[in-house]
Amino acid sequence: MFLMGYDASSDYGSDFTPDEEDILSSLLAQAPATPREDSGLILTNIEDDESPQRARIPHVHEDYHQQSVRNSIAGQTAYLPIEIADSSNPTADVEDPESRSRRDRHERSVSIEAPVNPPPVAPEPEEPDLRSPLERFRSRPMKPLSVTDLVSPSWCELQYWFTLTKHGKKKRTPAMKQGSAVHKTLEEEVHRTVAVDIATKEDAWGLRFWNIIQGLRTLRETGITRELEVWGVLDGLVVNGVIDQLSYICPDRELEATEITATNVPSPLPANQKSIVDFLSPNGSQMLSQENFGAATRSSRPSSKEVSRIYVTDVKTRNTSFVPRGASFRPTAMQLMLYRRLLTNMATNNVDTNILFSHYRLQPDQSFTDGFIAQISEMYYDAPSDPTQISDPDLPSSTPEYNYDTVDLLLSHNSLNQLWSLMMREFHATFPHGEKSIGNVLQAEYRNALDGLVMGSRAFLYDKKTLDTYVEEELRWWRGERPAVGVCIEEAYKCGICEFAEECGWRKGKIEEAREKMRMGRERRRSAV
């Protein structure tokens, strides 16, 4: 029990006079010290109450409070409207009938259960994120740029921008899932996959390096490998990709022959020097004998010991038999050329591992766990050869002269730095002439998404200048040095299958631009008449 007495030290004083305090004390004295458990009176702390807040409206109107005070001064007995838990009547009234009547009228005029409904507040507009796409989506600790990141904008930069900002990555469609199943089936034709328990991040990356080593060995021994992971550093940025297929089979010999012929075109001869055509023409100064002709032509032929080339193929799955052409083929063309660029970087040991390891926050000198080495050793693979034992570096190796123990091999390359060095030896064994060991003929192979059967293919030549220009321009967008742009009018058909078409300002702007051109054209025609 507590009394609300006058506090002389209070800055505000008491709301009650001494006579009113006596009346209040007498009322409180009639209440029991503690309420009954079944009284229904529950006291809660408002700061702990998580229920919707409601307005607290006093039961006593201010006019009634003033009248009660006047009555008490006149000597009348007046009771404050307090409900007390009583054993016989838990809600017994302890106020006079007149005060109760006033209180009832007041409660009918005000609903104490009405929830607070504050006026709606307009949400504050979100501040635009001024960071570049690279900072927002591909900076540490997030994954680095991928080949997909660089080639997807070639279809439409704005579409890829919407994809990143709304979904973070491309949503996997049923068609993409079917394509993954086809790729998995093709991979299993070349490799056998086994589960490996990984304890550290360095173990995980060691497994990635080991898979590349195995893939290169398989390529040398069988002539083909699939799903080979590659990395590169383009303009200081880590780029990652997975090549669908590498093989020694040229996709288009005629196309390669035209490329070789074009690169072997001789420089113009001096005016006083005759060409081979002059010698073969009827008006030439002399006729070549069969021996001289053979000697002349042999000098322009490739060496009998040709450099074995490895060719890059990308497998695409489709639900239709249509093979893309023109603008629809551009992303695939850029993808294949980027794969060749990254493969060249790896084959020539031209990847800055400091940048690579730093981006992924790896400890390149940390030893692999014993469990990792033990598991890899159990998968002993005896088909490939030691890269140091290859007898003919120009040709794929045949049966190895000896097999080396996997445990000893891993123990002697027991870190990412050391295993990377081993991997570079394998690359040199597979691509002994560096970039010259990689063919310039690139191929896109199209397979049916349901049964995996080949429906068609398209081959083309690698174009370094075109790729350099494209990569430079795309990295400008990734770095935020220019805004994303949409498709040109000639490629507006892409908007019809784009999920972001309705909210694309570029598309609406191009529509208005086309309308304005039509209007100006009509005006010119009318003025000409």
Protein backbone atom coordinates (compact mmCIF):
# COMPACT_ATOMS: atom_id res chain seq x y z
CA MET A 1 0.00 0.00 0.00
CA PHE A 2 1.27 3.49 -0.70
CA LEU A 3 -0.07 7.01 0.07
CA MET A 4 0.19 9.89 -2.37
CA GLY A 5 1.09 12.50 0.24
CA TYR A 6 2.44 15.97 -0.31
CA ASP A 7 6.16 16.07 -0.95
CA ALA A 8 7.67 19.35 0.08
CA SER A 9 10.79 18.62 -1.96
CA SER A 10 8.82 18.14 -5.16
CA ASP A 11 9.21 20.72 -7.91
CA TYR A 12 5.58 20.26 -8.83
CA GLY A 13 3.79 19.80 -5.45
CA SER A 14 0.81 17.54 -4.75
CA ASP A 15 -2.52 17.46 -6.56
CA PHE A 16 -4.34 16.83 -3.25
CA THR A 17 -5.02 19.01 -0.22
CA PRO A 18 -4.47 17.55 3.29
CA ASP A 19 -8.28 16.92 3.62
CA GLU A 20 -8.33 15.07 0.30
CA GLU A 21 -5.38 12.97 1.38
CA ASP A 22 -7.30 11.92 4.51
CA ILE A 23 -10.27 10.83 2.37
CA LEU A 24 -7.99 8.88 0.01
CA SER A 25 -6.24 7.18 2.93
CA SER A 26 -9.55 6.05 4.40
CA LEU A 27 -10.64 4.57 1.07
CA LEU A 28 -7.38 2.70 0.59
CA ALA A 29 -7.60 1.35 4.15
CA GLN A 30 -10.83 -0.47 3.18
CA ALA A 31 -9.01 -2.49 0.47
CA PRO A 32 -7.32 -5.79 1.39
CA ALA A 33 -3.50 -5.77 1.49
CA THR A 34 -3.26 -8.19 -1.44
CA PRO A 35 -5.87 -9.01 -4.08
CA ARG A 36 -7.39 -12.47 -4.27
CA GLU A 37 -5.92 -14.79 -6.86
CA ASP A 38 -9.35 -15.14 -8.46
CA SER A 39 -10.08 -11.45 -8.46
CA GLY A 40 -9.15 -11.07 -12.13
CA LEU A 41 -6.80 -8.14 -11.37
CA ILE A 42 -3.56 -8.53 -13.37
CA LEU A 43 -0.84 -5.92 -13.20
CA THR A 44 1.61 -5.78 -16.08
CA ASN A 45 4.57 -3.60 -16.90
CA ILE A 46 3.76 -1.55 -19.98
CA GLU A 47 7.39 -1.57 -21.13
CA ASP A 48 7.27 -5.37 -21.32
CA ASP A 49 3.93 -5.46 -23.12
CA GLU A 50 4.37 -6.34 -26.78
CA SER A 51 0.68 -6.25 -27.57
CA PRO A 52 -0.68 -3.42 -29.74
CA GLN A 53 -0.62 -0.20 -27.75
CA ARG A 54 -3.94 1.45 -26.92
CA ALA A 55 -4.85 4.92 -25.72
CA ARG A 56 -5.18 5.38 -21.93
CA ILE A 57 -8.25 7.43 -21.28
CA PRO A 58 -9.07 8.21 -17.58
CA HIS A 59 -12.29 6.81 -16.15
CA VAL A 60 -13.00 10.09 -14.31
CA HIS A 61 -13.89 13.17 -16.29
CA GLU A 62 -12.19 16.38 -15.11
CA ASP A 63 -15.55 18.04 -14.29
CA TYR A 64 -16.41 15.14 -12.02
CA HIS A 65 -13.03 15.39 -10.26
CA GLN A 66 -13.61 19.07 -9.47
CA GLN A 67 -17.14 18.38 -8.18
CA SER A 68 -15.83 15.63 -5.89
CA VAL A 69 -13.33 17.99 -4.37
CA ARG A 70 -16.04 20.61 -3.74
CA ASN A 71 -18.28 17.99 -2.11
CA SER A 72 -15.52 16.89 0.22
CA ILE A 73 -14.90 20.46 1.29
CA ALA A 74 -18.64 20.80 2.07
CA GLY A 75 -18.43 17.83 4.39
CA GLN A 76 -20.12 15.37 2.06
CA THR A 77 -18.83 11.85 1.66
CA ALA A 78 -17.57 11.21 -1.87
CA TYR A 79 -15.71 8.20 -3.17
CA LEU A 80 -13.20 7.97 -5.98
CA PRO A 81 -14.30 5.56 -8.74
CA ILE A 82 -11.98 2.68 -7.78
CA GLU A 83 -13.04 -0.92 -8.23
CA ILE A 84 -11.91 -3.17 -5.38
CA ALA A 85 -11.75 -6.94 -5.44
CA ASP A 86 -14.19 -8.07 -2.75
CA SER A 87 -14.81 -11.64 -1.76
CA SER A 88 -18.58 -11.32 -2.10
CA ASN A 89 -18.65 -8.98 -5.07
CA PRO A 90 -15.35 -8.57 -6.97
CA THR A 91 -16.66 -5.50 -8.82
CA ALA A 92 -18.55 -3.83 -5.97
CA ASP A 93 -19.16 -0.11 -6.39
CA VAL A 94 -17.75 2.15 -3.72
CA GLU A 95 -19.07 5.43 -5.11
CA ASP A 96 -22.36 7.24 -4.68
CA PRO A 97 -25.14 6.74 -7.31
CA GLU A 98 -24.77 10.25 -8.74
CA SER A 99 -21.03 9.87 -9.42
CA ARG A 100 -21.60 6.42 -10.92
CA SER A 101 -24.21 7.85 -13.27
CA ARG A 102 -21.83 10.53 -14.48
CA ARG A 103 -19.08 7.96 -15.03
CA ASP A 104 -21.39 5.67 -17.03
CA ARG A 105 -22.42 8.52 -19.31
CA HIS A 106 -18.75 9.42 -19.83
CA GLU A 107 -17.71 5.83 -20.66
CA ARG A 108 -20.53 5.52 -23.19
CA SER A 109 -19.24 8.60 -24.96
CA VAL A 110 -15.61 7.38 -25.15
CA SER A 111 -14.48 3.91 -26.27
CA ILE A 112 -11.51 2.86 -24.21
CA GLU A 113 -10.95 -0.22 -26.42
CA ALA A 114 -10.49 1.74 -29.63
CA PRO A 115 -7.00 1.00 -30.98
CA VAL A 116 -4.73 3.80 -31.98
CA ASN A 117 -4.78 4.31 -35.74
CA PRO A 118 -2.12 6.89 -36.52
CA PRO A 119 -2.35 8.58 -39.88
CA PRO A 120 -0.46 6.72 -42.59
CA VAL A 121 3.08 7.92 -43.09
CA ALA A 122 4.43 7.92 -46.60
CA PRO A 123 7.56 5.72 -46.80
CA GLU A 124 10.74 7.62 -47.27
CA PRO A 125 12.19 7.08 -50.74
CA GLU A 126 15.20 4.78 -50.77
CA GLU A 127 18.45 6.50 -51.47
CA PRO A 128 20.04 5.22 -54.68
CA ASP A 129 23.02 2.93 -54.25
CA LEU A 130 25.82 4.74 -56.04
CA ARG A 131 28.31 1.88 -55.79
CA SER A 132 29.51 0.25 -58.98
CA PRO A 133 28.23 -3.23 -59.94
CA LEU A 134 31.69 -4.56 -59.10
CA GLU A 135 31.55 -3.12 -55.58
CA ARG A 136 27.99 -4.30 -54.97
CA PHE A 137 28.13 -7.82 -56.36
CA ARG A 138 31.67 -9.03 -57.06
CA SER A 139 33.99 -7.66 -54.40
CA ARG A 140 35.51 -9.58 -51.52
CA PRO A 141 34.30 -11.61 -49.74
CA MET A 142 31.83 -12.28 -52.55
CA LYS A 143 32.77 -14.43 -55.52
CA PRO A 144 34.86 -12.86 -58.29
CA LEU A 145 33.80 -12.12 -61.81
CA SER A 146 32.90 -15.14 -63.88
CA VAL A 147 32.85 -15.63 -67.62
CA THR A 148 29.06 -15.55 -67.35
CA ASP A 149 29.26 -12.13 -65.68
CA LEU A 150 31.25 -10.78 -68.61
CA VAL A 151 29.27 -12.31 -71.47
CA SER A 152 25.68 -12.02 -70.19
CA PRO A 153 25.62 -8.23 -70.71
CA SER A 154 26.34 -8.82 -74.41
CA TRP A 155 22.70 -9.92 -74.70
CA CYS A 156 21.45 -6.88 -72.80
CA GLU A 157 23.28 -4.97 -70.10
CA LEU A 158 20.10 -3.63 -68.54
CA GLN A 159 18.59 -7.09 -68.28
CA TYR A 160 21.67 -8.35 -66.44
CA TRP A 161 21.63 -5.26 -64.22
CA PHE A 162 18.01 -5.97 -63.27
CA THR A 163 18.93 -9.62 -62.66
CA LEU A 164 21.72 -8.69 -60.25
CA THR A 165 19.79 -6.03 -58.35
CA LYS A 166 16.60 -8.08 -57.97
CA HIS A 167 17.81 -11.68 -57.77
CA GLY A 168 21.57 -11.50 -57.19
CA LYS A 169 22.11 -14.04 -59.97
CA LYS A 170 20.29 -15.66 -62.83
CA LYS A 171 17.32 -17.71 -61.68
CA ARG A 172 17.57 -21.37 -62.58
CA THR A 173 14.86 -22.21 -65.05
CA PRO A 174 13.64 -25.74 -65.91
CA ALA A 175 15.57 -25.45 -69.19
CA MET A 176 18.77 -24.64 -67.28
CA LYS A 177 18.24 -27.66 -65.03
CA GLN A 178 17.81 -29.88 -68.08
CA GLY A 179 21.01 -28.44 -69.51
CA SER A 180 22.87 -29.22 -66.28
CA ALA A 181 21.74 -32.83 -66.50
CA VAL A 182 23.07 -33.10 -70.06
CA HIS A 183 26.42 -31.60 -69.01
CA LYS A 184 26.63 -34.02 -66.10
CA THR A 185 26.03 -36.97 -68.40
CA LEU A 186 28.73 -35.79 -70.80
CA GLU A 187 31.19 -35.29 -67.94
CA GLU A 188 30.58 -38.79 -66.64
CA GLU A 189 31.54 -40.14 -70.06
CA VAL A 190 35.07 -38.89 -69.35
CA HIS A 191 35.42 -38.70 -65.58
CA ARG A 192 34.24 -40.67 -62.58
CA THR A 193 33.32 -38.50 -59.63
CA VAL A 194 33.87 -39.54 -56.01
CA ALA A 195 32.79 -37.69 -52.88
CA VAL A 196 35.58 -36.16 -50.78
CA ASP A 197 35.21 -34.87 -47.24
CA ILE A 198 36.70 -31.40 -46.91
CA ALA A 199 37.99 -29.99 -43.61
CA THR A 200 39.53 -26.66 -44.63
CA LYS A 201 39.16 -24.09 -47.37
CA GLU A 202 42.67 -24.91 -48.51
CA ASP A 203 41.67 -28.57 -48.87
CA ALA A 204 38.72 -27.51 -51.03
CA TRP A 205 40.98 -25.54 -53.32
CA GLY A 206 43.53 -28.31 -53.36
CA LEU A 207 40.78 -30.57 -54.68
CA ARG A 208 40.00 -28.05 -57.42
CA PHE A 209 43.64 -27.96 -58.47
CA TRP A 210 43.84 -31.75 -58.35
CA ASN A 211 40.78 -32.05 -60.60
CA ILE A 212 42.48 -29.79 -63.15
CA ILE A 213 45.61 -31.96 -63.01
CA GLN A 214 43.52 -35.07 -63.59
CA GLY A 215 41.64 -33.36 -66.41
CA LEU A 216 44.88 -32.45 -68.20
CA ARG A 217 46.19 -35.99 -67.83
CA THR A 218 42.94 -37.37 -69.21
CA LEU A 219 43.20 -35.00 -72.17
CA ARG A 220 46.70 -36.20 -73.01
CA GLU A 221 45.79 -39.88 -72.64
CA THR A 222 42.34 -40.03 -74.23
CA GLY A 223 42.31 -36.94 -76.45
CA ILE A 224 39.41 -35.28 -74.67
CA THR A 225 38.47 -33.81 -71.30
CA ARG A 226 35.40 -32.03 -70.02
CA GLU A 227 34.50 -29.47 -67.33
CA LEU A 228 38.01 -28.02 -66.91
CA GLU A 229 38.12 -25.08 -64.52
CA VAL A 230 40.30 -22.09 -65.45
CA TRP A 231 41.22 -18.75 -63.90
CA GLY A 232 42.71 -15.56 -65.14
CA VAL A 233 43.42 -12.00 -64.06
CA LEU A 234 42.00 -9.44 -66.48
CA ASP A 235 43.00 -5.86 -65.79
CA GLY A 236 43.72 -6.75 -62.16
CA LEU A 237 40.41 -8.60 -61.63
CA VAL A 238 40.06 -12.34 -60.99
CA VAL A 239 37.87 -14.09 -63.57
CA ASN A 240 36.76 -17.72 -63.29
CA GLY A 241 35.22 -20.12 -65.79
CA VAL A 242 34.65 -23.79 -66.59
CA ILE A 243 35.37 -25.01 -70.13
CA ASP A 244 32.88 -27.61 -71.32
CA GLN A 245 35.23 -29.55 -73.57
CA LEU A 246 38.85 -29.65 -74.78
CA SER A 247 39.99 -32.06 -77.48
CA TYR A 248 42.63 -32.58 -80.18
CA ILE A 249 39.95 -32.76 -82.90
CA CYS A 250 39.64 -29.59 -84.98
CA PRO A 251 35.97 -28.65 -85.38
CA ASP A 252 36.48 -27.22 -88.89
CA ARG A 253 39.63 -28.08 -90.84
CA GLU A 254 38.69 -25.87 -93.78
CA LEU A 255 38.20 -22.86 -91.55
CA GLU A 256 41.54 -23.50 -89.89
CA ALA A 257 43.20 -23.79 -93.29
CA THR A 258 41.89 -20.39 -94.33
CA GLU A 259 43.22 -18.90 -91.09
CA ILE A 260 46.64 -20.48 -91.60
CA THR A 261 46.72 -19.28 -95.21
CA ALA A 262 45.80 -15.76 -94.17
CA THR A 263 48.56 -15.65 -91.56
CA ASN A 264 51.11 -17.01 -94.03
CA VAL A 265 50.43 -14.44 -96.76
CA PRO A 266 53.90 -13.21 -97.84
CA SER A 267 54.80 -9.55 -97.78
CA PRO A 268 54.94 -7.73 -101.15
CA LEU A 269 58.05 -8.62 -103.15
CA PRO A 270 60.48 -6.05 -104.50
CA ALA A 271 59.82 -4.90 -108.08
CA ASN A 272 62.78 -6.82 -109.49
CA GLN A 273 61.85 -10.10 -107.78
CA LYS A 274 59.42 -12.57 -109.31
CA SER A 275 56.87 -14.54 -107.38
CA ILE A 276 55.96 -18.19 -107.76
CA VAL A 277 53.02 -17.13 -109.90
CA ASP A 278 55.40 -15.54 -112.41
CA PHE A 279 57.28 -18.77 -112.73
CA LEU A 280 54.12 -20.81 -113.29
CA SER A 281 52.52 -18.48 -115.85
CA PRO A 282 52.90 -19.28 -119.57
CA ASN A 283 54.74 -16.00 -120.13
CA GLY A 284 57.20 -16.60 -117.36
CA SER A 285 60.90 -16.44 -117.90
CA GLN A 286 61.33 -20.15 -117.29
CA MET A 287 59.43 -23.27 -116.43
CA LEU A 288 60.14 -25.01 -113.15
CA SER A 289 61.27 -28.57 -113.32
CA GLN A 290 59.38 -31.10 -111.23
CA GLU A 291 62.22 -31.14 -108.75
CA ASN A 292 62.39 -27.35 -108.44
CA PHE A 293 58.60 -27.11 -108.12
CA GLY A 294 58.58 -29.65 -105.36
CA ALA A 295 61.31 -27.81 -103.48
CA ALA A 296 59.48 -24.50 -103.84
CA THR A 297 56.16 -25.81 -102.66
CA ARG A 298 57.64 -27.81 -99.78
CA SER A 299 59.05 -24.62 -98.29
CA SER A 300 55.52 -23.19 -97.90
CA ARG A 301 54.02 -26.31 -96.36
CA PRO A 302 53.84 -26.90 -92.61
CA SER A 303 56.47 -29.11 -91.12
CA SER A 304 55.76 -32.81 -91.23
CA LYS A 305 55.91 -32.68 -87.48
CA GLU A 306 52.96 -30.38 -86.94
CA VAL A 307 52.22 -28.87 -83.55
CA SER A 308 49.30 -30.69 -81.98
CA ARG A 309 46.57 -28.19 -81.13
CA ILE A 310 43.83 -28.37 -78.55
CA TYR A 311 40.43 -26.90 -79.38
CA VAL A 312 37.82 -25.33 -77.13
CA THR A 313 34.16 -26.35 -77.43
CA ASP A 314 31.18 -25.04 -75.51
CA VAL A 315 28.08 -27.21 -75.25
CA LYS A 316 24.68 -25.52 -75.40
CA THR A 317 21.36 -27.25 -74.80
CA ARG A 318 18.19 -26.14 -76.53
CA ASN A 319 14.55 -27.16 -76.73
CA THR A 320 14.34 -26.10 -80.37
CA SER A 321 16.39 -27.09 -83.41
CA PHE A 322 17.22 -23.47 -84.25
CA VAL A 323 20.94 -22.64 -84.13
CA PRO A 324 21.44 -18.99 -83.05
CA ARG A 325 22.84 -16.50 -85.51
CA GLY A 326 23.79 -12.85 -85.48
CA ALA A 327 23.13 -10.97 -82.25
CA SER A 328 21.76 -14.13 -80.62
CA PHE A 329 25.12 -15.85 -81.12
CA ARG A 330 27.21 -12.95 -79.76
CA PRO A 331 27.18 -14.05 -76.06
CA THR A 332 28.32 -17.55 -77.03
CA ALA A 333 31.08 -16.19 -79.26
CA MET A 334 32.39 -13.93 -76.49
CA GLN A 335 32.16 -16.79 -74.01
CA LEU A 336 34.28 -19.11 -76.16
CA MET A 337 36.88 -16.42 -76.81
CA LEU A 338 37.09 -15.67 -73.08
CA TYR A 339 37.59 -19.36 -72.35
CA ARG A 340 40.45 -19.43 -74.82
CA ARG A 341 41.97 -16.33 -73.23
CA LEU A 342 41.83 -17.83 -69.73
CA LEU A 343 43.15 -21.17 -70.98
CA THR A 344 46.04 -19.36 -72.63
CA ASN A 345 46.84 -17.59 -69.35
CA MET A 346 46.96 -20.91 -67.55
CA ALA A 347 48.93 -22.68 -70.28
CA THR A 348 51.58 -19.95 -70.28
CA ASN A 349 51.68 -19.65 -66.46
CA ASN A 350 50.48 -16.09 -66.75
CA VAL A 351 48.13 -15.95 -63.73
CA ASP A 352 49.10 -13.83 -60.74
CA THR A 353 48.48 -16.24 -57.89
CA ASN A 354 48.98 -13.48 -55.31
CA ILE A 355 45.85 -11.75 -56.62
CA LEU A 356 44.01 -15.07 -56.89
CA PHE A 357 44.79 -16.28 -53.37
CA SER A 358 44.23 -12.84 -51.89
CA HIS A 359 40.75 -12.54 -53.38
CA TYR A 360 39.66 -15.90 -51.99
CA ARG A 361 41.48 -15.25 -48.69
CA LEU A 362 43.47 -18.46 -48.88
CA GLN A 363 46.60 -19.49 -47.00
CA PRO A 364 48.70 -20.74 -49.94
CA ASP A 365 51.49 -22.16 -47.76
CA GLN A 366 49.24 -24.02 -45.32
CA SER A 367 49.58 -27.79 -45.49
CA PHE A 368 46.68 -29.97 -46.52
CA THR A 369 45.07 -32.10 -43.86
CA ASP A 370 46.07 -35.75 -43.52
CA GLY A 371 42.49 -36.78 -44.22
CA PHE A 372 42.49 -34.94 -47.56
CA ILE A 373 45.77 -36.54 -48.66
CA ALA A 374 44.53 -39.98 -47.60
CA GLN A 375 41.28 -39.66 -49.54
CA ILE A 376 42.99 -38.46 -52.72
CA SER A 377 45.56 -41.25 -52.46
CA GLU A 378 42.80 -43.85 -52.42
CA MET A 379 41.72 -42.62 -55.86
CA TYR A 380 44.99 -43.60 -57.46
CA TYR A 381 44.80 -42.89 -61.16
CA ASP A 382 47.38 -44.77 -63.23
CA ALA A 383 46.50 -43.71 -66.78
CA PRO A 384 48.29 -40.37 -67.11
CA SER A 385 52.01 -39.91 -67.26
CA ASP A 386 54.46 -37.82 -65.30
CA PRO A 387 54.84 -34.56 -67.23
CA THR A 388 58.60 -34.78 -66.81
CA GLN A 389 58.69 -38.17 -68.58
CA ILE A 390 56.99 -37.16 -71.83
CA SER A 391 59.26 -38.24 -74.67
CA ASP A 392 57.66 -36.20 -77.45
CA PRO A 393 56.39 -32.79 -76.29
CA ASP A 394 54.74 -32.12 -79.66
CA LEU A 395 52.34 -35.02 -79.45
CA PRO A 396 49.95 -36.42 -76.83
CA SER A 397 51.76 -38.82 -74.57
CA SER A 398 51.23 -42.53 -74.91
CA THR A 399 51.45 -45.13 -72.19
CA PRO A 400 53.46 -43.65 -69.30
CA GLU A 401 56.91 -44.97 -68.62
CA TYR A 402 56.12 -45.22 -64.94
CA ASN A 403 53.43 -44.26 -62.45
CA TYR A 404 54.27 -42.23 -59.44
CA ASP A 405 52.83 -42.68 -55.99
CA THR A 406 50.05 -40.26 -55.22
CA VAL A 407 50.90 -40.04 -51.52
CA ASP A 408 54.49 -39.06 -52.24
CA LEU A 409 53.31 -36.66 -54.92
CA LEU A 410 50.93 -34.85 -52.57
CA LEU A 411 53.36 -34.85 -49.68
CA SER A 412 55.95 -33.22 -51.90
CA HIS A 413 53.37 -30.64 -53.04
CA ASN A 414 51.64 -30.21 -49.70
CA SER A 415 50.23 -26.70 -50.10
CA LEU A 416 48.33 -24.62 -52.63
CA ASN A 417 51.50 -22.91 -53.80
CA GLN A 418 53.28 -26.20 -54.37
CA LEU A 419 50.26 -27.89 -55.96
CA TRP A 420 49.87 -24.89 -58.27
CA SER A 421 53.47 -25.44 -59.39
CA LEU A 422 52.68 -29.08 -60.16
CA MET A 423 49.60 -27.99 -62.07
CA MET A 424 51.71 -25.60 -64.15
CA ARG A 425 54.02 -28.50 -65.04
CA GLU A 426 50.96 -30.41 -66.22
CA PHE A 427 49.86 -27.44 -68.32
CA HIS A 428 53.30 -27.24 -69.91
CA ALA A 429 53.17 -30.95 -70.71
CA THR A 430 49.75 -30.54 -72.30
CA PHE A 431 50.48 -27.24 -74.08
CA PRO A 432 54.23 -27.52 -74.77
CA HIS A 433 54.19 -24.62 -77.24
CA GLY A 434 52.11 -22.33 -75.07
CA GLU A 435 49.45 -20.40 -76.98
CA LYS A 436 50.46 -22.05 -80.25
CA SER A 437 49.24 -25.33 -78.78
CA ILE A 438 45.70 -23.88 -78.58
CA GLY A 439 43.68 -23.82 -81.78
CA ASN A 440 42.05 -20.62 -83.00
CA VAL A 441 38.97 -22.50 -84.25
CA LEU A 442 36.30 -22.33 -81.53
CA GLN A 443 33.09 -24.34 -81.59
CA ALA A 444 29.62 -24.07 -80.10
CA GLU A 445 27.88 -27.44 -80.08
CA TYR A 446 24.10 -27.53 -79.70
CA ARG A 447 22.41 -30.52 -78.10
CA ASN A 448 18.82 -31.43 -77.44
CA ALA A 449 17.95 -30.58 -73.83
CA LEU A 450 15.87 -33.75 -73.43
CA ASP A 451 18.03 -36.52 -74.88
CA GLY A 452 21.41 -34.79 -75.29
CA LEU A 453 21.71 -35.61 -79.00
CA VAL A 454 23.71 -33.19 -81.16
CA MET A 455 21.45 -30.94 -83.24
CA GLY A 456 24.12 -28.79 -84.87
CA SER A 457 27.24 -26.77 -84.33
CA ARG A 458 28.90 -23.55 -85.36
CA ALA A 459 32.62 -22.86 -85.62
CA PHE A 460 34.42 -19.53 -85.92
CA LEU A 461 37.89 -18.07 -85.51
CA TYR A 462 39.26 -16.44 -82.39
CA ASP A 463 39.54 -12.66 -82.77
CA LYS A 464 41.85 -11.10 -80.19
CA LYS A 465 41.10 -7.50 -81.16
CA THR A 466 37.33 -7.98 -80.92
CA LEU A 467 37.66 -9.66 -77.53
CA ASP A 468 39.98 -6.97 -76.17
CA THR A 469 37.56 -4.22 -77.18
CA TYR A 470 34.58 -6.06 -75.71
CA VAL A 471 36.25 -6.89 -72.37
CA GLU A 472 37.53 -3.33 -71.97
CA GLU A 473 34.06 -1.90 -72.52
CA GLU A 474 32.33 -4.37 -70.20
CA LEU A 475 34.83 -3.77 -67.40
CA ARG A 476 34.05 -0.06 -67.68
CA TRP A 477 30.42 -0.87 -66.88
CA TRP A 478 31.35 -3.24 -64.04
CA ARG A 479 33.56 -0.53 -62.53
CA GLY A 480 30.76 2.02 -62.75
CA GLU A 481 32.56 4.19 -65.30
CA ARG A 482 29.45 4.22 -67.51
CA PRO A 483 25.78 3.30 -67.08
CA ALA A 484 24.21 0.13 -68.37
CA VAL A 485 22.66 0.39 -71.82
CA GLY A 486 19.82 -1.54 -73.39
CA VAL A 487 19.49 -3.12 -76.80
CA CYS A 488 19.46 -1.25 -80.08
CA ILE A 489 16.32 -0.91 -82.18
CA GLU A 490 17.41 -3.78 -84.41
CA GLU A 491 17.48 -6.11 -81.39
CA ALA A 492 14.23 -4.93 -79.82
CA TYR A 493 12.84 -8.44 -80.26
CA LYS A 494 14.73 -9.36 -77.09
CA CYS A 495 12.39 -7.14 -75.07
CA GLY A 496 9.47 -9.40 -75.92
CA ILE A 497 10.95 -12.25 -73.85
CA CYS A 498 12.41 -10.13 -71.05
CA GLU A 499 10.81 -10.35 -67.60
CA PHE A 500 11.82 -6.74 -66.84
CA ALA A 501 10.29 -5.19 -69.97
CA GLU A 502 7.49 -3.37 -68.17
CA GLU A 503 9.82 -1.52 -65.80
CA CYS A 504 12.61 -0.87 -68.28
CA GLY A 505 13.05 2.85 -68.88
CA TRP A 506 15.40 2.19 -71.79
CA ARG A 507 12.70 0.30 -73.66
CA LYS A 508 10.11 3.03 -73.08
CA GLY A 509 12.59 5.65 -74.17
CA LYS A 510 13.33 3.75 -77.37
CA ILE A 511 9.61 3.48 -78.09
CA GLU A 512 9.22 7.22 -77.71
CA GLU A 513 12.31 7.75 -79.85
CA ALA A 514 10.84 5.58 -82.61
CA ARG A 515 7.53 7.42 -82.44
CA GLU A 516 9.31 10.75 -82.66
CA LYS A 517 11.27 9.61 -85.70
CA MET A 518 8.05 8.47 -87.38
CA ARG A 519 6.38 11.80 -86.60
CA MET A 520 9.30 13.79 -87.98
CA GLY A 521 9.35 11.59 -91.07
CA ARG A 522 5.66 12.27 -91.72
CA GLU A 523 6.23 15.99 -91.30
CA ARG A 524 9.13 15.95 -93.77
CA ARG A 525 7.03 14.11 -96.32
CA ARG A 526 4.15 16.57 -95.92
CA SER A 527 6.48 19.56 -96.24
CA ALA A 528 8.06 18.04 -99.38
CA VAL A 529 4.62 17.85 -101.00
